[in-house]
Amino acid sequence: MDEKQELLSRFNEMIKTSKSIVFFGGAGVSTESGIPDFRSVDGLYNQKYDYPPETILSHTFFIKRPSEFYRFYRDKILIDGVEPNTTHIKLAELEKAGKLKAIVTQNIDGLHQKAGSKEVYEVHGTVAKNHCTKCNKFFTGDEVKDLIDASLAEGADKNSRYLPICPDCGGLIKPDVVLYEEGLDDYIWNRSVDYIQNADMLIVGGTSLVVYPAAGLVNYYRGSKLVLINKSTTPFDDEADLVLHMGLGEVFGQVTV
């Protein structure tokens, strides 16, 4: 058995001997579904947009330049035809089997729920929920997508391009995602901490663990089965009981439930 197979075998054995697993994931979970990881910004973004993603996805930018915000948001966040990948599906199977107790995710794409997971805590919010900033009416992600696309249709008001406007009151709709400069939801955070503290196995995948406060969730784990799955190293590698520098799909593709 080579080193890689030995590591994967250890991972499987840890899952089999655990009864209360929590998965904490980041952008790398969804990259295999075609959703980009904005921390590794390529030249294309710099050519197409005048600002880096971290600037565009900030509260200040949303308020001052909503049209430019939504141009990026529609192009890079509300991506058409995105489906759950192997990792999402396998995690849902582990939950159904009673092994996995909760998923804590930094992602906002809703793919865990689409794969069938029930106990999901989205610390950075979700594209699935949106509210009018004027009348507080609720809109789904698909409804916001349709409103943005309608603003680009022939004959639409050029001053409202890319803007999802509430059809009831004319207010601007804002996604329920945690933008840079905004605080996290206390309930989601506290539930995430509670699950991680009580887990007998914590699997951390697809995150560089450099974005705080979310990265600090790892510090609440009290058990002896901390597994890190990430292609590159993280600041927590030395503290982990098992480190797999592999793609998540490769790791979870061989997990037997």
C-alpha atoms as a PDB file:
ATOM      1  CA  MET A   1       0.000   0.000   0.000  1.00  0.00           C
ATOM      2  CA  ASP A   2       1.503   3.349  -1.044  1.00  0.00           C
ATOM      3  CA  GLU A   3       1.496   6.446   1.189  1.00  0.00           C
ATOM      4  CA  LYS A   4      -1.606   7.991  -0.380  1.00  0.00           C
ATOM      5  CA  GLN A   5      -3.653   4.817   0.014  1.00  0.00           C
ATOM      6  CA  GLU A   6      -2.455   4.479   3.583  1.00  0.00           C
ATOM      7  CA  LEU A   7      -3.659   8.015   4.384  1.00  0.00           C
ATOM      8  CA  LEU A   8      -7.029   7.385   2.727  1.00  0.00           C
ATOM      9  CA  SER A   9      -7.367   4.122   4.615  1.00  0.00           C
ATOM     10  CA  ARG A  10      -6.714   5.930   7.901  1.00  0.00           C
ATOM     11  CA  PHE A  11      -9.362   8.500   6.978  1.00  0.00           C
ATOM     12  CA  ASN A  12     -11.931   5.786   6.290  1.00  0.00           C
ATOM     13  CA  GLU A  13     -11.119   4.042   9.555  1.00  0.00           C
ATOM     14  CA  MET A  14     -11.561   7.275  11.507  1.00  0.00           C
ATOM     15  CA  ILE A  15     -15.004   7.746   9.946  1.00  0.00           C
ATOM     16  CA  LYS A  16     -16.016   4.166  10.737  1.00  0.00           C
ATOM     17  CA  THR A  17     -15.071   4.543  14.402  1.00  0.00           C
ATOM     18  CA  SER A  18     -16.805   7.919  14.836  1.00  0.00           C
ATOM     19  CA  LYS A  19     -20.388   8.607  15.848  1.00  0.00           C
ATOM     20  CA  SER A  20     -20.556  12.405  15.834  1.00  0.00           C
ATOM     21  CA  ILE A  21     -18.756  13.885  12.825  1.00  0.00           C
ATOM     22  CA  VAL A  22     -18.828  17.556  11.858  1.00  0.00           C
ATOM     23  CA  PHE A  23     -17.608  18.822   8.498  1.00  0.00           C
ATOM     24  CA  PHE A  24     -16.287  22.381   8.231  1.00  0.00           C
ATOM     25  CA  GLY A  25     -15.752  23.473   4.637  1.00  0.00           C
ATOM     26  CA  GLY A  26     -14.647  26.374   2.487  1.00  0.00           C
ATOM     27  CA  ALA A  27     -14.499  27.409  -1.148  1.00  0.00           C
ATOM     28  CA  GLY A  28     -12.560  24.295  -2.181  1.00  0.00           C
ATOM     29  CA  VAL A  29     -15.669  22.197  -1.578  1.00  0.00           C
ATOM     30  CA  SER A  30     -17.473  23.890  -4.461  1.00  0.00           C
ATOM     31  CA  THR A  31     -14.660  24.500  -6.945  1.00  0.00           C
ATOM     32  CA  GLU A  32     -15.226  21.027  -8.391  1.00  0.00           C
ATOM     33  CA  SER A  33     -18.782  22.165  -9.176  1.00  0.00           C
ATOM     34  CA  GLY A  34     -17.415  25.069 -11.204  1.00  0.00           C
ATOM     35  CA  ILE A  35     -17.638  27.826  -8.584  1.00  0.00           C
ATOM     36  CA  PRO A  36     -14.371  29.808  -8.472  1.00  0.00           C
ATOM     37  CA  ASP A  37     -12.226  30.341  -5.402  1.00  0.00           C
ATOM     38  CA  PHE A  38     -11.780  34.111  -5.208  1.00  0.00           C
ATOM     39  CA  ARG A  39      -8.711  33.997  -3.018  1.00  0.00           C
ATOM     40  CA  SER A  40      -6.738  32.891  -6.066  1.00  0.00           C
ATOM     41  CA  VAL A  41      -7.743  35.676  -8.434  1.00  0.00           C
ATOM     42  CA  ASP A  42      -6.589  35.078 -11.985  1.00  0.00           C
ATOM     43  CA  GLY A  43      -5.757  37.579 -14.721  1.00  0.00           C
ATOM     44  CA  LEU A  44      -9.205  37.284 -16.265  1.00  0.00           C
ATOM     45  CA  TYR A  45     -10.867  38.883 -13.244  1.00  0.00           C
ATOM     46  CA  ASN A  46      -8.382  41.716 -13.276  1.00  0.00           C
ATOM     47  CA  GLN A  47      -9.070  42.360 -16.950  1.00  0.00           C
ATOM     48  CA  LYS A  48     -12.849  42.272 -16.612  1.00  0.00           C
ATOM     49  CA  TYR A  49     -13.308  44.038 -13.286  1.00  0.00           C
ATOM     50  CA  ASP A  50     -11.745  47.241 -12.003  1.00  0.00           C
ATOM     51  CA  TYR A  51     -11.644  45.987  -8.406  1.00  0.00           C
ATOM     52  CA  PRO A  52     -10.586  42.755  -6.643  1.00  0.00           C
ATOM     53  CA  PRO A  53     -13.376  40.405  -5.454  1.00  0.00           C
ATOM     54  CA  GLU A  54     -12.773  41.264  -1.788  1.00  0.00           C
ATOM     55  CA  THR A  55     -13.498  44.930  -2.566  1.00  0.00           C
ATOM     56  CA  ILE A  56     -16.550  44.249  -4.723  1.00  0.00           C
ATOM     57  CA  LEU A  57     -18.054  41.880  -2.144  1.00  0.00           C
ATOM     58  CA  SER A  58     -17.967  44.475   0.633  1.00  0.00           C
ATOM     59  CA  HIS A  59     -20.780  46.373   2.303  1.00  0.00           C
ATOM     60  CA  THR A  60     -19.339  49.735   1.282  1.00  0.00           C
ATOM     61  CA  PHE A  61     -19.071  48.709  -2.361  1.00  0.00           C
ATOM     62  CA  PHE A  62     -22.643  47.343  -2.377  1.00  0.00           C
ATOM     63  CA  ILE A  63     -23.946  50.678  -1.087  1.00  0.00           C
ATOM     64  CA  LYS A  64     -21.815  52.909  -3.335  1.00  0.00           C
ATOM     65  CA  ARG A  65     -21.672  50.849  -6.546  1.00  0.00           C
ATOM     66  CA  PRO A  66     -24.628  48.416  -6.523  1.00  0.00           C
ATOM     67  CA  SER A  67     -24.676  47.980 -10.307  1.00  0.00           C
ATOM     68  CA  GLU A  68     -21.001  46.961 -10.413  1.00  0.00           C
ATOM     69  CA  PHE A  69     -21.559  44.741  -7.373  1.00  0.00           C
ATOM     70  CA  TYR A  70     -24.383  42.886  -9.085  1.00  0.00           C
ATOM     71  CA  ARG A  71     -22.511  42.609 -12.380  1.00  0.00           C
ATOM     72  CA  PHE A  72     -19.838  40.596 -10.561  1.00  0.00           C
ATOM     73  CA  TYR A  73     -22.395  38.811  -8.358  1.00  0.00           C
ATOM     74  CA  ARG A  74     -24.449  37.593 -11.327  1.00  0.00           C
ATOM     75  CA  ASP A  75     -21.362  36.572 -13.295  1.00  0.00           C
ATOM     76  CA  LYS A  76     -19.351  34.828 -10.577  1.00  0.00           C
ATOM     77  CA  ILE A  77     -21.779  33.958  -7.757  1.00  0.00           C
ATOM     78  CA  LEU A  78     -25.169  33.262  -9.332  1.00  0.00           C
ATOM     79  CA  ILE A  79     -23.714  30.797 -11.815  1.00  0.00           C
ATOM     80  CA  ASP A  80     -26.161  28.885 -13.994  1.00  0.00           C
ATOM     81  CA  GLY A  81     -26.275  25.084 -14.065  1.00  0.00           C
ATOM     82  CA  VAL A  82     -24.213  24.434 -10.933  1.00  0.00           C
ATOM     83  CA  GLU A  83     -24.779  21.022  -9.331  1.00  0.00           C
ATOM     84  CA  PRO A  84     -23.488  19.280  -6.173  1.00  0.00           C
ATOM     85  CA  ASN A  85     -20.279  17.298  -6.627  1.00  0.00           C
ATOM     86  CA  THR A  86     -18.955  14.087  -5.079  1.00  0.00           C
ATOM     87  CA  THR A  87     -18.107  15.747  -1.758  1.00  0.00           C
ATOM     88  CA  HIS A  88     -21.555  17.309  -1.306  1.00  0.00           C
ATOM     89  CA  ILE A  89     -23.267  14.019  -2.154  1.00  0.00           C
ATOM     90  CA  LYS A  90     -21.061  11.875   0.087  1.00  0.00           C
ATOM     91  CA  LEU A  91     -21.534  14.229   3.040  1.00  0.00           C
ATOM     92  CA  ALA A  92     -25.308  14.002   2.598  1.00  0.00           C
ATOM     93  CA  GLU A  93     -25.008  10.209   2.621  1.00  0.00           C
ATOM     94  CA  LEU A  94     -22.948  10.308   5.834  1.00  0.00           C
ATOM     95  CA  GLU A  95     -25.621  12.463   7.468  1.00  0.00           C
ATOM     96  CA  LYS A  96     -28.385  10.116   6.344  1.00  0.00           C
ATOM     97  CA  ALA A  97     -26.409   7.210   7.803  1.00  0.00           C
ATOM     98  CA  GLY A  98     -26.298   9.002  11.172  1.00  0.00           C
ATOM     99  CA  LYS A  99     -22.525   9.537  11.164  1.00  0.00           C
ATOM    100  CA  LEU A 100     -22.398  13.217  10.236  1.00  0.00           C
ATOM    101  CA  LYS A 101     -24.222  15.511  12.658  1.00  0.00           C
ATOM    102  CA  ALA A 102     -23.715  18.888  10.983  1.00  0.00           C
ATOM    103  CA  ILE A 103     -22.037  20.799   8.177  1.00  0.00           C
ATOM    104  CA  VAL A 104     -20.546  24.205   8.901  1.00  0.00           C
ATOM    105  CA  THR A 105     -19.717  26.009   5.681  1.00  0.00           C
ATOM    106  CA  GLN A 106     -18.187  29.280   4.578  1.00  0.00           C
ATOM    107  CA  ASN A 107     -19.851  28.832   1.186  1.00  0.00           C
ATOM    108  CA  ILE A 108     -23.018  30.655   0.172  1.00  0.00           C
ATOM    109  CA  ASP A 109     -24.055  28.523  -2.819  1.00  0.00           C
ATOM    110  CA  GLY A 110     -26.576  26.196  -1.142  1.00  0.00           C
ATOM    111  CA  LEU A 111     -25.111  23.083  -2.781  1.00  0.00           C
ATOM    112  CA  HIS A 112     -25.043  21.102   0.467  1.00  0.00           C
ATOM    113  CA  GLN A 113     -28.817  21.451   0.775  1.00  0.00           C
ATOM    114  CA  LYS A 114     -29.250  20.674  -2.899  1.00  0.00           C
ATOM    115  CA  ALA A 115     -27.342  17.418  -2.331  1.00  0.00           C
ATOM    116  CA  GLY A 116     -29.728  16.491   0.483  1.00  0.00           C
ATOM    117  CA  SER A 117     -27.959  17.661   3.651  1.00  0.00           C
ATOM    118  CA  LYS A 118     -30.308  18.936   6.354  1.00  0.00           C
ATOM    119  CA  GLU A 119     -28.198  20.238   9.241  1.00  0.00           C
ATOM    120  CA  VAL A 120     -26.214  22.964   7.448  1.00  0.00           C
ATOM    121  CA  TYR A 121     -24.896  26.138   9.078  1.00  0.00           C
ATOM    122  CA  GLU A 122     -23.848  28.804   6.588  1.00  0.00           C
ATOM    123  CA  VAL A 123     -21.631  31.213   8.533  1.00  0.00           C
ATOM    124  CA  HIS A 124     -21.382  33.599   5.577  1.00  0.00           C
ATOM    125  CA  GLY A 125     -25.048  33.458   4.610  1.00  0.00           C
ATOM    126  CA  THR A 126     -26.647  32.163   1.430  1.00  0.00           C
ATOM    127  CA  VAL A 127     -27.611  33.286  -2.066  1.00  0.00           C
ATOM    128  CA  ALA A 128     -30.924  31.459  -1.574  1.00  0.00           C
ATOM    129  CA  LYS A 129     -32.293  34.216   0.671  1.00  0.00           C
ATOM    130  CA  ASN A 130     -32.657  37.858  -0.336  1.00  0.00           C
ATOM    131  CA  HIS A 131     -34.653  40.800   0.990  1.00  0.00           C
ATOM    132  CA  CYS A 132     -35.761  44.162  -0.329  1.00  0.00           C
ATOM    133  CA  THR A 133     -33.903  46.938   1.497  1.00  0.00           C
ATOM    134  CA  LYS A 134     -37.061  49.064   1.450  1.00  0.00           C
ATOM    135  CA  CYS A 135     -40.066  46.815   2.218  1.00  0.00           C
ATOM    136  CA  ASN A 136     -38.167  43.693   3.398  1.00  0.00           C
ATOM    137  CA  LYS A 137     -39.991  41.381   0.963  1.00  0.00           C
ATOM    138  CA  PHE A 138     -38.294  37.981   0.571  1.00  0.00           C
ATOM    139  CA  PHE A 139     -36.873  36.779  -2.766  1.00  0.00           C
ATOM    140  CA  THR A 140     -35.269  33.477  -3.726  1.00  0.00           C
ATOM    141  CA  GLY A 141     -31.924  33.306  -5.488  1.00  0.00           C
ATOM    142  CA  ASP A 142     -33.638  32.351  -8.749  1.00  0.00           C
ATOM    143  CA  GLU A 143     -35.990  35.326  -8.473  1.00  0.00           C
ATOM    144  CA  VAL A 144     -33.056  37.684  -8.002  1.00  0.00           C
ATOM    145  CA  LYS A 145     -31.319  36.086 -10.971  1.00  0.00           C
ATOM    146  CA  ASP A 146     -34.423  36.643 -13.114  1.00  0.00           C
ATOM    147  CA  LEU A 147     -34.707  40.290 -12.026  1.00  0.00           C
ATOM    148  CA  ILE A 148     -31.052  40.931 -12.880  1.00  0.00           C
ATOM    149  CA  ASP A 149     -31.461  39.285 -16.278  1.00  0.00           C
ATOM    150  CA  ALA A 150     -34.630  41.315 -16.917  1.00  0.00           C
ATOM    151  CA  SER A 151     -32.669  44.515 -16.241  1.00  0.00           C
ATOM    152  CA  LEU A 152     -30.352  43.578 -19.117  1.00  0.00           C
ATOM    153  CA  ALA A 153     -33.133  42.832 -21.593  1.00  0.00           C
ATOM    154  CA  GLU A 154     -33.646  44.973 -24.662  1.00  0.00           C
ATOM    155  CA  GLY A 155     -35.640  48.071 -23.809  1.00  0.00           C
ATOM    156  CA  ALA A 156     -34.871  47.928 -20.060  1.00  0.00           C
ATOM    157  CA  ASP A 157     -33.905  51.085 -18.167  1.00  0.00           C
ATOM    158  CA  LYS A 158     -30.175  51.544 -18.695  1.00  0.00           C
ATOM    159  CA  ASN A 159     -29.838  53.182 -15.256  1.00  0.00           C
ATOM    160  CA  SER A 160     -31.038  49.946 -13.637  1.00  0.00           C
ATOM    161  CA  ARG A 161     -28.712  47.550 -15.437  1.00  0.00           C
ATOM    162  CA  TYR A 162     -27.774  44.554 -13.243  1.00  0.00           C
ATOM    163  CA  LEU A 163     -29.960  45.843 -10.396  1.00  0.00           C
ATOM    164  CA  PRO A 164     -32.630  43.516  -8.930  1.00  0.00           C
ATOM    165  CA  ILE A 165     -35.405  45.953  -8.092  1.00  0.00           C
ATOM    166  CA  CYS A 166     -38.366  44.969  -5.922  1.00  0.00           C
ATOM    167  CA  PRO A 167     -41.460  44.912  -8.175  1.00  0.00           C
ATOM    168  CA  ASP A 168     -43.668  45.933  -5.228  1.00  0.00           C
ATOM    169  CA  CYS A 169     -41.929  49.036  -3.892  1.00  0.00           C
ATOM    170  CA  GLY A 170     -39.002  49.779  -6.210  1.00  0.00           C
ATOM    171  CA  GLY A 171     -36.387  49.152  -3.521  1.00  0.00           C
ATOM    172  CA  LEU A 172     -33.024  47.505  -4.142  1.00  0.00           C
ATOM    173  CA  ILE A 173     -32.842  43.841  -3.155  1.00  0.00           C
ATOM    174  CA  LYS A 174     -29.865  42.728  -1.042  1.00  0.00           C
ATOM    175  CA  PRO A 175     -28.647  39.131  -0.754  1.00  0.00           C
ATOM    176  CA  ASP A 176     -28.565  37.587   2.723  1.00  0.00           C
ATOM    177  CA  VAL A 177     -24.841  36.941   2.476  1.00  0.00           C
ATOM    178  CA  VAL A 178     -22.272  38.283   4.897  1.00  0.00           C
ATOM    179  CA  LEU A 179     -20.304  40.848   2.926  1.00  0.00           C
ATOM    180  CA  TYR A 180     -16.877  42.073   3.967  1.00  0.00           C
ATOM    181  CA  GLU A 181     -17.293  44.655   6.783  1.00  0.00           C
ATOM    182  CA  GLU A 182     -20.462  42.926   8.027  1.00  0.00           C
ATOM    183  CA  GLY A 183     -20.821  40.809  11.168  1.00  0.00           C
ATOM    184  CA  LEU A 184     -21.698  37.122  11.343  1.00  0.00           C
ATOM    185  CA  ASP A 185     -25.074  35.852  12.506  1.00  0.00           C
ATOM    186  CA  ASP A 186     -24.833  35.053  16.238  1.00  0.00           C
ATOM    187  CA  TYR A 187     -27.249  32.113  16.120  1.00  0.00           C
ATOM    188  CA  ILE A 188     -25.419  30.409  13.224  1.00  0.00           C
ATOM    189  CA  TRP A 189     -22.073  31.009  14.901  1.00  0.00           C
ATOM    190  CA  ASN A 190     -23.167  29.657  18.284  1.00  0.00           C
ATOM    191  CA  ARG A 191     -24.755  26.545  16.772  1.00  0.00           C
ATOM    192  CA  SER A 192     -21.587  25.919  14.754  1.00  0.00           C
ATOM    193  CA  VAL A 193     -19.436  26.223  17.863  1.00  0.00           C
ATOM    194  CA  ASP A 194     -21.737  23.871  19.792  1.00  0.00           C
ATOM    195  CA  TYR A 195     -21.595  21.152  17.133  1.00  0.00           C
ATOM    196  CA  ILE A 196     -17.813  21.416  16.755  1.00  0.00           C
ATOM    197  CA  GLN A 197     -17.249  21.292  20.521  1.00  0.00           C
ATOM    198  CA  ASN A 198     -19.291  18.101  20.792  1.00  0.00           C
ATOM    199  CA  ALA A 199     -17.885  16.337  17.720  1.00  0.00           C
ATOM    200  CA  ASP A 200     -15.757  13.229  18.087  1.00  0.00           C
ATOM    201  CA  MET A 201     -14.337  13.863  14.596  1.00  0.00           C
ATOM    202  CA  LEU A 202     -13.892  17.190  12.814  1.00  0.00           C
ATOM    203  CA  ILE A 203     -13.198  17.145   9.067  1.00  0.00           C
ATOM    204  CA  VAL A 204     -11.978  20.458   7.685  1.00  0.00           C
ATOM    205  CA  GLY A 205     -11.936  20.626   3.895  1.00  0.00           C
ATOM    206  CA  GLY A 206     -11.324  23.069   1.082  1.00  0.00           C
ATOM    207  CA  THR A 207     -10.328  26.036   3.203  1.00  0.00           C
ATOM    208  CA  SER A 208      -6.997  27.764   3.687  1.00  0.00           C
ATOM    209  CA  LEU A 209      -8.036  28.642   7.263  1.00  0.00           C
ATOM    210  CA  VAL A 210      -6.790  32.208   6.979  1.00  0.00           C
ATOM    211  CA  VAL A 211     -10.130  34.055   6.896  1.00  0.00           C
ATOM    212  CA  TYR A 212     -11.280  35.031  10.373  1.00  0.00           C
ATOM    213  CA  PRO A 213     -13.408  34.770  12.387  1.00  0.00           C
ATOM    214  CA  ALA A 214     -14.548  31.609  10.530  1.00  0.00           C
ATOM    215  CA  ALA A 215     -11.104  29.955  10.656  1.00  0.00           C
ATOM    216  CA  GLY A 216     -11.170  30.282  14.435  1.00  0.00           C
ATOM    217  CA  LEU A 217     -13.943  27.670  14.629  1.00  0.00           C
ATOM    218  CA  VAL A 218     -11.286  24.948  14.483  1.00  0.00           C
ATOM    219  CA  ASN A 219     -10.037  26.059  17.893  1.00  0.00           C
ATOM    220  CA  TYR A 220     -13.310  24.930  19.491  1.00  0.00           C
ATOM    221  CA  TYR A 221     -12.715  21.279  18.615  1.00  0.00           C
ATOM    222  CA  ARG A 222     -11.866  19.177  21.674  1.00  0.00           C
ATOM    223  CA  GLY A 223     -11.462  15.695  20.197  1.00  0.00           C
ATOM    224  CA  SER A 224      -8.552  13.685  18.818  1.00  0.00           C
ATOM    225  CA  LYS A 225      -9.665  13.221  15.208  1.00  0.00           C
ATOM    226  CA  LEU A 226      -8.964  16.522  13.475  1.00  0.00           C
ATOM    227  CA  VAL A 227      -8.604  15.903   9.739  1.00  0.00           C
ATOM    228  CA  LEU A 228      -7.506  18.605   7.294  1.00  0.00           C
ATOM    229  CA  ILE A 229      -8.141  18.093   3.572  1.00  0.00           C
ATOM    230  CA  ASN A 230      -6.699  20.845   1.404  1.00  0.00           C
ATOM    231  CA  LYS A 231      -4.427  20.909  -1.619  1.00  0.00           C
ATOM    232  CA  SER A 232      -2.167  23.510  -0.016  1.00  0.00           C
ATOM    233  CA  THR A 233      -0.874  23.781   3.541  1.00  0.00           C
ATOM    234  CA  THR A 234      -2.810  25.600   6.267  1.00  0.00           C
ATOM    235  CA  PRO A 235      -1.766  27.252   9.546  1.00  0.00           C
ATOM    236  CA  PHE A 236      -3.404  24.319  11.375  1.00  0.00           C
ATOM    237  CA  ASP A 237      -1.562  21.462   9.653  1.00  0.00           C
ATOM    238  CA  ASP A 238       0.755  20.858  12.605  1.00  0.00           C
ATOM    239  CA  GLU A 239      -2.205  20.574  14.980  1.00  0.00           C
ATOM    240  CA  ALA A 240      -4.134  18.034  12.890  1.00  0.00           C
ATOM    241  CA  ASP A 241      -4.262  14.303  13.554  1.00  0.00           C
ATOM    242  CA  LEU A 242      -4.418  13.609   9.814  1.00  0.00           C
ATOM    243  CA  VAL A 243      -3.530  15.882   6.884  1.00  0.00           C
ATOM    244  CA  LEU A 244      -4.511  15.051   3.307  1.00  0.00           C
ATOM    245  CA  HIS A 245      -3.050  17.352   0.678  1.00  0.00           C
ATOM    246  CA  MET A 246      -5.453  16.098  -1.975  1.00  0.00           C
ATOM    247  CA  GLY A 247      -8.558  17.177  -3.826  1.00  0.00           C
ATOM    248  CA  LEU A 248     -11.784  16.704  -1.891  1.00  0.00           C
ATOM    249  CA  GLY A 249     -13.386  14.715  -4.696  1.00  0.00           C
ATOM    250  CA  GLU A 250     -10.486  12.261  -4.665  1.00  0.00           C
ATOM    251  CA  VAL A 251     -10.809  11.799  -0.905  1.00  0.00           C
ATOM    252  CA  PHE A 252     -14.579  11.554  -0.588  1.00  0.00           C
ATOM    253  CA  GLY A 253     -14.926   9.550  -3.798  1.00  0.00           C
ATOM    254  CA  GLN A 254     -13.448   6.534  -2.026  1.00  0.00           C
ATOM    255  CA  VAL A 255     -15.372   6.927   1.254  1.00  0.00           C
ATOM    256  CA  THR A 256     -17.655   3.992   1.971  1.00  0.00           C
ATOM    257  CA  VAL A 257     -20.800   4.794   3.953  1.00  0.00           C
END
